[in-house]
PDB file of N, CA and C in Angstrom:
ATOM      1  N   MET A   1     225.105 -28.682 -48.070  1.00  0.00           N
ATOM      2  CA  MET A   1     223.663 -28.535 -48.075  1.00  0.00           C
ATOM      3  C   MET A   1     223.048 -29.873 -47.680  1.00  0.00           C
ATOM      4  N   SER A   2     222.133 -29.815 -46.758  1.00  0.00           N
ATOM      5  CA  SER A   2     221.520 -31.060 -46.291  1.00  0.00           C
ATOM      6  C   SER A   2     220.229 -31.330 -47.050  1.00  0.00           C
ATOM      7  N   GLY A   3     219.882 -32.606 -47.117  1.00  0.00           N
ATOM      8  CA  GLY A   3     218.665 -33.009 -47.814  1.00  0.00           C
ATOM      9  C   GLY A   3     217.449 -32.864 -46.914  1.00  0.00           C
ATOM     10  N   PRO A   4     216.337 -33.354 -47.377  1.00  0.00           N
ATOM     11  CA  PRO A   4     215.127 -33.271 -46.561  1.00  0.00           C
ATOM     12  C   PRO A   4     215.288 -34.084 -45.280  1.00  0.00           C
ATOM     13  N   ARG A   5     214.624 -33.608 -44.240  1.00  0.00           N
ATOM     14  CA  ARG A   5     214.702 -34.279 -42.947  1.00  0.00           C
ATOM     15  C   ARG A   5     213.823 -35.522 -42.947  1.00  0.00           C
ATOM     16  N   PRO A   6     214.234 -36.550 -42.233  1.00  0.00           N
ATOM     17  CA  PRO A   6     213.398 -37.740 -42.141  1.00  0.00           C
ATOM     18  C   PRO A   6     212.100 -37.426 -41.404  1.00  0.00           C
ATOM     19  N   LEU A   7     211.079 -38.191 -41.701  1.00  0.00           N
ATOM     20  CA  LEU A   7     209.763 -37.966 -41.114  1.00  0.00           C
ATOM     21  C   LEU A   7     209.809 -38.094 -39.597  1.00  0.00           C
ATOM     22  N   ALA A   8     210.559 -39.042 -39.089  1.00  0.00           N
ATOM     23  CA  ALA A   8     210.643 -39.246 -37.635  1.00  0.00           C
ATOM     24  C   ALA A   8     211.175 -38.001 -36.940  1.00  0.00           C
ATOM     25  N   ALA A   9     212.172 -37.351 -37.523  1.00  0.00           N
ATOM     26  CA  ALA A   9     212.733 -36.135 -36.931  1.00  0.00           C
ATOM     27  C   ALA A   9     211.708 -35.009 -36.943  1.00  0.00           C
ATOM     28  N   SER A  10     210.928 -34.921 -37.997  1.00  0.00           N
ATOM     29  CA  SER A  10     209.892 -33.890 -38.070  1.00  0.00           C
ATOM     30  C   SER A  10     208.821 -34.108 -37.012  1.00  0.00           C
ATOM     31  N   VAL A  11     208.441 -35.369 -36.797  1.00  0.00           N
ATOM     32  CA  VAL A  11     207.424 -35.678 -35.787  1.00  0.00           C
ATOM     33  C   VAL A  11     207.957 -35.353 -34.401  1.00  0.00           C
ATOM     34  N   VAL A  12     209.197 -35.689 -34.130  1.00  0.00           N
ATOM     35  CA  VAL A  12     209.804 -35.380 -32.827  1.00  0.00           C
ATOM     36  C   VAL A  12     209.864 -33.875 -32.613  1.00  0.00           C
ATOM     37  N   ASP A  13     210.216 -33.125 -33.634  1.00  0.00           N
ATOM     38  CA  ASP A  13     210.242 -31.666 -33.522  1.00  0.00           C
ATOM     39  C   ASP A  13     208.855 -31.118 -33.225  1.00  0.00           C
ATOM     40  N   LEU A  14     207.839 -31.650 -33.892  1.00  0.00           N
ATOM     41  CA  LEU A  14     206.468 -31.214 -33.650  1.00  0.00           C
ATOM     42  C   LEU A  14     206.044 -31.526 -32.231  1.00  0.00           C
ATOM     43  N   LEU A  15     206.360 -32.722 -31.728  1.00  0.00           N
ATOM     44  CA  LEU A  15     206.013 -33.083 -30.356  1.00  0.00           C
ATOM     45  C   LEU A  15     206.734 -32.198 -29.351  1.00  0.00           C
ATOM     46  N   ASP A  16     207.998 -31.893 -29.619  1.00  0.00           N
ATOM     47  CA  ASP A  16     208.734 -30.993 -28.737  1.00  0.00           C
ATOM     48  C   ASP A  16     208.101 -29.612 -28.710  1.00  0.00           C
ATOM     49  N   ARG A  17     207.684 -29.152 -29.855  1.00  0.00           N
ATOM     50  CA  ARG A  17     207.116 -27.807 -29.959  1.00  0.00           C
ATOM     51  C   ARG A  17     205.763 -27.690 -29.252  1.00  0.00           C
ATOM     52  N   PHE A  18     204.957 -28.740 -29.319  1.00  0.00           N
ATOM     53  CA  PHE A  18     203.601 -28.673 -28.775  1.00  0.00           C
ATOM     54  C   PHE A  18     203.407 -29.569 -27.558  1.00  0.00           C
ATOM     55  N   ALA A  19     204.474 -29.922 -26.866  1.00  0.00           N
ATOM     56  CA  ALA A  19     204.383 -30.831 -25.723  1.00  0.00           C
ATOM     57  C   ALA A  19     203.476 -30.287 -24.623  1.00  0.00           C
ATOM     58  N   VAL A  20     203.594 -29.016 -24.322  1.00  0.00           N
ATOM     59  CA  VAL A  20     202.794 -28.426 -23.251  1.00  0.00           C
ATOM     60  C   VAL A  20     201.318 -28.426 -23.627  1.00  0.00           C
ATOM     61  N   VAL A  21     201.006 -28.046 -24.846  1.00  0.00           N
ATOM     62  CA  VAL A  21     199.608 -28.003 -25.294  1.00  0.00           C
ATOM     63  C   VAL A  21     199.013 -29.410 -25.309  1.00  0.00           C
ATOM     64  N   LEU A  22     199.777 -30.374 -25.806  1.00  0.00           N
ATOM     65  CA  LEU A  22     199.287 -31.751 -25.833  1.00  0.00           C
ATOM     66  C   LEU A  22     199.091 -32.313 -24.433  1.00  0.00           C
ATOM     67  N   THR A  23     199.988 -31.985 -23.519  1.00  0.00           N
ATOM     68  CA  THR A  23     199.852 -32.444 -22.141  1.00  0.00           C
ATOM     69  C   THR A  23     198.617 -31.835 -21.490  1.00  0.00           C
ATOM     70  N   LEU A  24     198.399 -30.551 -21.681  1.00  0.00           N
ATOM     71  CA  LEU A  24     197.219 -29.891 -21.130  1.00  0.00           C
ATOM     72  C   LEU A  24     195.944 -30.503 -21.691  1.00  0.00           C
ATOM     73  N   ALA A  25     195.912 -30.747 -22.995  1.00  0.00           N
ATOM     74  CA  ALA A  25     194.740 -31.361 -23.615  1.00  0.00           C
ATOM     75  C   ALA A  25     194.502 -32.763 -23.057  1.00  0.00           C
ATOM     76  N   ALA A  26     195.559 -33.525 -22.854  1.00  0.00           N
ATOM     77  CA  ALA A  26     195.423 -34.878 -22.309  1.00  0.00           C
ATOM     78  C   ALA A  26     194.904 -34.838 -20.876  1.00  0.00           C
ATOM     79  N   VAL A  27     195.419 -33.917 -20.069  1.00  0.00           N
ATOM     80  CA  VAL A  27     194.963 -33.798 -18.676  1.00  0.00           C
ATOM     81  C   VAL A  27     193.484 -33.422 -18.638  1.00  0.00           C
ATOM     82  N   LEU A  28     193.074 -32.462 -19.465  1.00  0.00           N
ATOM     83  CA  LEU A  28     191.663 -32.056 -19.493  1.00  0.00           C
ATOM     84  C   LEU A  28     190.763 -33.196 -19.965  1.00  0.00           C
ATOM     85  N   LEU A  29     191.215 -33.960 -20.947  1.00  0.00           N
ATOM     86  CA  LEU A  29     190.435 -35.084 -21.442  1.00  0.00           C
ATOM     87  C   LEU A  29     190.292 -36.165 -20.374  1.00  0.00           C
ATOM     88  N   VAL A  30     191.383 -36.496 -19.695  1.00  0.00           N
ATOM     89  CA  VAL A  30     191.332 -37.507 -18.631  1.00  0.00           C
ATOM     90  C   VAL A  30     190.439 -37.034 -17.497  1.00  0.00           C
ATOM     91  N   TRP A  31     190.532 -35.761 -17.139  1.00  0.00           N
ATOM     92  CA  TRP A  31     189.700 -35.189 -16.082  1.00  0.00           C
ATOM     93  C   TRP A  31     188.222 -35.291 -16.455  1.00  0.00           C
ATOM     94  N   GLU A  32     187.892 -34.891 -17.675  1.00  0.00           N
ATOM     95  CA  GLU A  32     186.501 -34.947 -18.147  1.00  0.00           C
ATOM     96  C   GLU A  32     185.975 -36.380 -18.108  1.00  0.00           C
ATOM     97  N   LEU A  33     186.753 -37.309 -18.627  1.00  0.00           N
ATOM     98  CA  LEU A  33     186.335 -38.714 -18.654  1.00  0.00           C
ATOM     99  C   LEU A  33     186.236 -39.296 -17.254  1.00  0.00           C
ATOM    100  N   ALA A  34     187.172 -38.942 -16.382  1.00  0.00           N
ATOM    101  CA  ALA A  34     187.147 -39.468 -15.014  1.00  0.00           C
ATOM    102  C   ALA A  34     185.894 -39.026 -14.277  1.00  0.00           C
ATOM    103  N   VAL A  35     185.524 -37.769 -14.441  1.00  0.00           N
ATOM    104  CA  VAL A  35     184.322 -37.263 -13.772  1.00  0.00           C
ATOM    105  C   VAL A  35     183.077 -37.960 -14.322  1.00  0.00           C
ATOM    106  N   ASP A  36     183.016 -38.116 -15.640  1.00  0.00           N
ATOM    107  CA  ASP A  36     181.844 -38.733 -16.258  1.00  0.00           C
ATOM    108  C   ASP A  36     181.753 -40.225 -15.958  1.00  0.00           C
ATOM    109  N   LEU A  37     182.847 -40.942 -16.118  1.00  0.00           N
ATOM    110  CA  LEU A  37     182.820 -42.396 -15.966  1.00  0.00           C
ATOM    111  C   LEU A  37     182.756 -42.839 -14.508  1.00  0.00           C
ATOM    112  N   ALA A  38     183.361 -42.076 -13.618  1.00  0.00           N
ATOM    113  CA  ALA A  38     183.362 -42.454 -12.202  1.00  0.00           C
ATOM    114  C   ALA A  38     182.085 -42.012 -11.499  1.00  0.00           C
ATOM    115  N   GLY A  39     181.305 -41.185 -12.150  1.00  0.00           N
ATOM    116  CA  GLY A  39     180.053 -40.731 -11.551  1.00  0.00           C
ATOM    117  C   GLY A  39     180.265 -39.790 -10.375  1.00  0.00           C
ATOM    118  N   ILE A  40     181.353 -39.032 -10.401  1.00  0.00           N
ATOM    119  CA  ILE A  40     181.632 -38.083  -9.324  1.00  0.00           C
ATOM    120  C   ILE A  40     180.613 -36.951  -9.409  1.00  0.00           C
ATOM    121  N   PRO A  41     179.974 -36.616  -8.285  1.00  0.00           N
ATOM    122  CA  PRO A  41     178.990 -35.520  -8.317  1.00  0.00           C
ATOM    123  C   PRO A  41     179.634 -34.210  -8.768  1.00  0.00           C
ATOM    124  N   ARG A  42     178.891 -33.436  -9.531  1.00  0.00           N
ATOM    125  CA  ARG A  42     179.424 -32.197 -10.117  1.00  0.00           C
ATOM    126  C   ARG A  42     179.782 -31.169  -9.035  1.00  0.00           C
ATOM    127  N   TYR A  43     179.138 -31.244  -7.859  1.00  0.00           N
ATOM    128  CA  TYR A  43     179.462 -30.290  -6.808  1.00  0.00           C
ATOM    129  C   TYR A  43     180.749 -30.670  -6.076  1.00  0.00           C
ATOM    130  N   VAL A  44     181.209 -31.894  -6.234  1.00  0.00           N
ATOM    131  CA  VAL A  44     182.466 -32.323  -5.631  1.00  0.00           C
ATOM    132  C   VAL A  44     183.630 -32.004  -6.568  1.00  0.00           C
ATOM    133  N   LEU A  45     183.512 -32.418  -7.820  1.00  0.00           N
ATOM    134  CA  LEU A  45     184.556 -32.172  -8.819  1.00  0.00           C
ATOM    135  C   LEU A  45     183.884 -31.916 -10.164  1.00  0.00           C
ATOM    136  N   PRO A  46     183.691 -30.644 -10.508  1.00  0.00           N
ATOM    137  CA  PRO A  46     183.063 -30.361 -11.798  1.00  0.00           C
ATOM    138  C   PRO A  46     183.990 -30.703 -12.957  1.00  0.00           C
ATOM    139  N   ALA A  47     183.407 -31.105 -14.048  1.00  0.00           N
ATOM    140  CA  ALA A  47     184.176 -31.400 -15.263  1.00  0.00           C
ATOM    141  C   ALA A  47     184.642 -30.086 -15.885  1.00  0.00           C
ATOM    142  N   PRO A  48     185.717 -30.117 -16.655  1.00  0.00           N
ATOM    143  CA  PRO A  48     186.180 -28.891 -17.319  1.00  0.00           C
ATOM    144  C   PRO A  48     185.097 -28.234 -18.181  1.00  0.00           C
ATOM    145  N   SER A  49     184.259 -29.042 -18.810  1.00  0.00           N
ATOM    146  CA  SER A  49     183.187 -28.470 -19.633  1.00  0.00           C
ATOM    147  C   SER A  49     182.182 -27.705 -18.779  1.00  0.00           C
ATOM    148  N   ASP A  50     181.922 -28.191 -17.565  1.00  0.00           N
ATOM    149  CA  ASP A  50     181.013 -27.475 -16.659  1.00  0.00           C
ATOM    150  C   ASP A  50     181.628 -26.153 -16.195  1.00  0.00           C
ATOM    151  N   ILE A  51     182.914 -26.183 -15.926  1.00  0.00           N
ATOM    152  CA  ILE A  51     183.606 -24.963 -15.506  1.00  0.00           C
ATOM    153  C   ILE A  51     183.582 -23.935 -16.637  1.00  0.00           C
ATOM    154  N   TRP A  52     183.855 -24.381 -17.856  1.00  0.00           N
ATOM    155  CA  TRP A  52     183.834 -23.472 -19.003  1.00  0.00           C
ATOM    156  C   TRP A  52     182.438 -22.885 -19.207  1.00  0.00           C
ATOM    157  N   ALA A  53     181.406 -23.714 -19.111  1.00  0.00           N
ATOM    158  CA  ALA A  53     180.029 -23.237 -19.285  1.00  0.00           C
ATOM    159  C   ALA A  53     179.678 -22.195 -18.228  1.00  0.00           C
ATOM    160  N   SER A  54     180.111 -22.412 -17.004  1.00  0.00           N
ATOM    161  CA  SER A  54     179.848 -21.452 -15.932  1.00  0.00           C
ATOM    162  C   SER A  54     180.601 -20.144 -16.171  1.00  0.00           C
ATOM    163  N   MET A  55     181.833 -20.241 -16.658  1.00  0.00           N
ATOM    164  CA  MET A  55     182.599 -19.025 -16.948  1.00  0.00           C
ATOM    165  C   MET A  55     181.945 -18.207 -18.059  1.00  0.00           C
ATOM    166  N   VAL A  56     181.441 -18.881 -19.063  1.00  0.00           N
ATOM    167  CA  VAL A  56     180.767 -18.180 -20.163  1.00  0.00           C
ATOM    168  C   VAL A  56     179.468 -17.548 -19.663  1.00  0.00           C
ATOM    169  N   ALA A  57     178.732 -18.270 -18.829  1.00  0.00           N
ATOM    170  CA  ALA A  57     177.458 -17.763 -18.319  1.00  0.00           C
ATOM    171  C   ALA A  57     177.650 -16.552 -17.410  1.00  0.00           C
ATOM    172  N   HIS A  58     178.777 -16.486 -16.724  1.00  0.00           N
ATOM    173  CA  HIS A  58     179.022 -15.398 -15.774  1.00  0.00           C
ATOM    174  C   HIS A  58     180.174 -14.491 -16.216  1.00  0.00           C
ATOM    175  N   ALA A  59     180.357 -14.363 -17.510  1.00  0.00           N
ATOM    176  CA  ALA A  59     181.502 -13.617 -18.047  1.00  0.00           C
ATOM    177  C   ALA A  59     181.512 -12.160 -17.582  1.00  0.00           C
ATOM    178  N   GLY A  60     180.376 -11.513 -17.585  1.00  0.00           N
ATOM    179  CA  GLY A  60     180.318 -10.103 -17.187  1.00  0.00           C
ATOM    180  C   GLY A  60     180.758  -9.907 -15.749  1.00  0.00           C
ATOM    181  N   SER A  61     180.242 -10.735 -14.869  1.00  0.00           N
ATOM    182  CA  SER A  61     180.601 -10.651 -13.457  1.00  0.00           C
ATOM    183  C   SER A  61     182.079 -10.973 -13.241  1.00  0.00           C
ATOM    184  N   LEU A  62     182.578 -11.977 -13.949  1.00  0.00           N
ATOM    185  CA  LEU A  62     183.986 -12.341 -13.821  1.00  0.00           C
ATOM    186  C   LEU A  62     184.897 -11.206 -14.265  1.00  0.00           C
ATOM    187  N   LEU A  63     184.540 -10.547 -15.370  1.00  0.00           N
ATOM    188  CA  LEU A  63     185.356  -9.431 -15.851  1.00  0.00           C
ATOM    189  C   LEU A  63     185.347  -8.274 -14.853  1.00  0.00           C
ATOM    190  N   THR A  64     184.182  -7.972 -14.296  1.00  0.00           N
ATOM    191  CA  THR A  64     184.080  -6.885 -13.313  1.00  0.00           C
ATOM    192  C   THR A  64     184.946  -7.183 -12.102  1.00  0.00           C
ATOM    193  N   HIS A  65     184.818  -8.373 -11.550  1.00  0.00           N
ATOM    194  CA  HIS A  65     185.576  -8.733 -10.359  1.00  0.00           C
ATOM    195  C   HIS A  65     187.066  -8.876 -10.653  1.00  0.00           C
ATOM    196  N   SER A  66     187.407  -9.324 -11.849  1.00  0.00           N
ATOM    197  CA  SER A  66     188.820  -9.420 -12.224  1.00  0.00           C
ATOM    198  C   SER A  66     189.443  -8.034 -12.315  1.00  0.00           C
ATOM    199  N   TRP A  67     188.688  -7.075 -12.817  1.00  0.00           N
ATOM    200  CA  TRP A  67     189.176  -5.704 -12.920  1.00  0.00           C
ATOM    201  C   TRP A  67     189.447  -5.137 -11.521  1.00  0.00           C
ATOM    202  N   VAL A  68     188.525  -5.357 -10.594  1.00  0.00           N
ATOM    203  CA  VAL A  68     188.700  -4.880  -9.220  1.00  0.00           C
ATOM    204  C   VAL A  68     189.928  -5.544  -8.594  1.00  0.00           C
ATOM    205  N   THR A  69     190.087  -6.842  -8.809  1.00  0.00           N
ATOM    206  CA  THR A  69     191.241  -7.558  -8.262  1.00  0.00           C
ATOM    207  C   THR A  69     192.545  -7.015  -8.842  1.00  0.00           C
ATOM    208  N   LEU A  70     192.565  -6.723 -10.133  1.00  0.00           N
ATOM    209  CA  LEU A  70     193.761  -6.145 -10.751  1.00  0.00           C
ATOM    210  C   LEU A  70     194.095  -4.797 -10.128  1.00  0.00           C
ATOM    211  N   LEU A  71     193.089  -3.944  -9.935  1.00  0.00           N
ATOM    212  CA  LEU A  71     193.333  -2.629  -9.330  1.00  0.00           C
ATOM    213  C   LEU A  71     193.854  -2.768  -7.904  1.00  0.00           C
ATOM    214  N   GLU A  72     193.288  -3.698  -7.126  1.00  0.00           N
ATOM    215  CA  GLU A  72     193.757  -3.920  -5.759  1.00  0.00           C
ATOM    216  C   GLU A  72     195.192  -4.433  -5.750  1.00  0.00           C
ATOM    217  N   THR A  73     195.518  -5.302  -6.694  1.00  0.00           N
ATOM    218  CA  THR A  73     196.884  -5.828  -6.787  1.00  0.00           C
ATOM    219  C   THR A  73     197.861  -4.715  -7.121  1.00  0.00           C
ATOM    220  N   LEU A  74     197.509  -3.878  -8.084  1.00  0.00           N
ATOM    221  CA  LEU A  74     198.380  -2.762  -8.455  1.00  0.00           C
ATOM    222  C   LEU A  74     198.523  -1.757  -7.320  1.00  0.00           C
ATOM    223  N   ALA A  75     197.427  -1.509  -6.593  1.00  0.00           N
ATOM    224  CA  ALA A  75     197.489  -0.600  -5.437  1.00  0.00           C
ATOM    225  C   ALA A  75     198.406  -1.168  -4.359  1.00  0.00           C
ATOM    226  N   GLY A  76     198.302  -2.461  -4.093  1.00  0.00           N
ATOM    227  CA  GLY A  76     199.171  -3.097  -3.110  1.00  0.00           C
ATOM    228  C   GLY A  76     200.621  -3.041  -3.527  1.00  0.00           C
ATOM    229  N   PHE A  77     200.864  -3.260  -4.817  1.00  0.00           N
ATOM    230  CA  PHE A  77     202.236  -3.170  -5.328  1.00  0.00           C
ATOM    231  C   PHE A  77     202.764  -1.758  -5.185  1.00  0.00           C
ATOM    232  N   GLY A  78     201.902  -0.776  -5.478  1.00  0.00           N
ATOM    233  CA  GLY A  78     202.306   0.623  -5.336  1.00  0.00           C
ATOM    234  C   GLY A  78     202.621   0.976  -3.894  1.00  0.00           C
ATOM    235  N   VAL A  79     201.829   0.493  -2.955  1.00  0.00           N
ATOM    236  CA  VAL A  79     202.079   0.753  -1.539  1.00  0.00           C
ATOM    237  C   VAL A  79     203.395   0.095  -1.106  1.00  0.00           C
ATOM    238  N   SER A  80     203.683  -1.076  -1.633  1.00  0.00           N
ATOM    239  CA  SER A  80     204.910  -1.771  -1.247  1.00  0.00           C
ATOM    240  C   SER A  80     206.155  -1.028  -1.740  1.00  0.00           C
ATOM    241  N   LEU A  81     206.024  -0.272  -2.813  1.00  0.00           N
ATOM    242  CA  LEU A  81     207.147   0.491  -3.337  1.00  0.00           C
ATOM    243  C   LEU A  81     207.375   1.793  -2.586  1.00  0.00           C
ATOM    244  N   ALA A  82     206.320   2.270  -1.942  1.00  0.00           N
ATOM    245  CA  ALA A  82     206.417   3.575  -1.247  1.00  0.00           C
ATOM    246  C   ALA A  82     207.216   3.498   0.036  1.00  0.00           C
TER     247      ALA A  82
END
């Protein structure tokens, strides 16, 4: 029977488990800061927060168009099988 695991091993396990999520969060944070600090115009490179706000504002339209795209994709897949 083994004793409790050392704290360092637990931290490494946690980092291994959430590496992808932490990397994504870091990339989004760097992107947001780069756009804000560099003064890049929003029409050239929008910040992630601007993209999220636009998606929320146009959620109904996005869902409608996503549904149509899904149906077209499934129809194309069906034709390819025929």
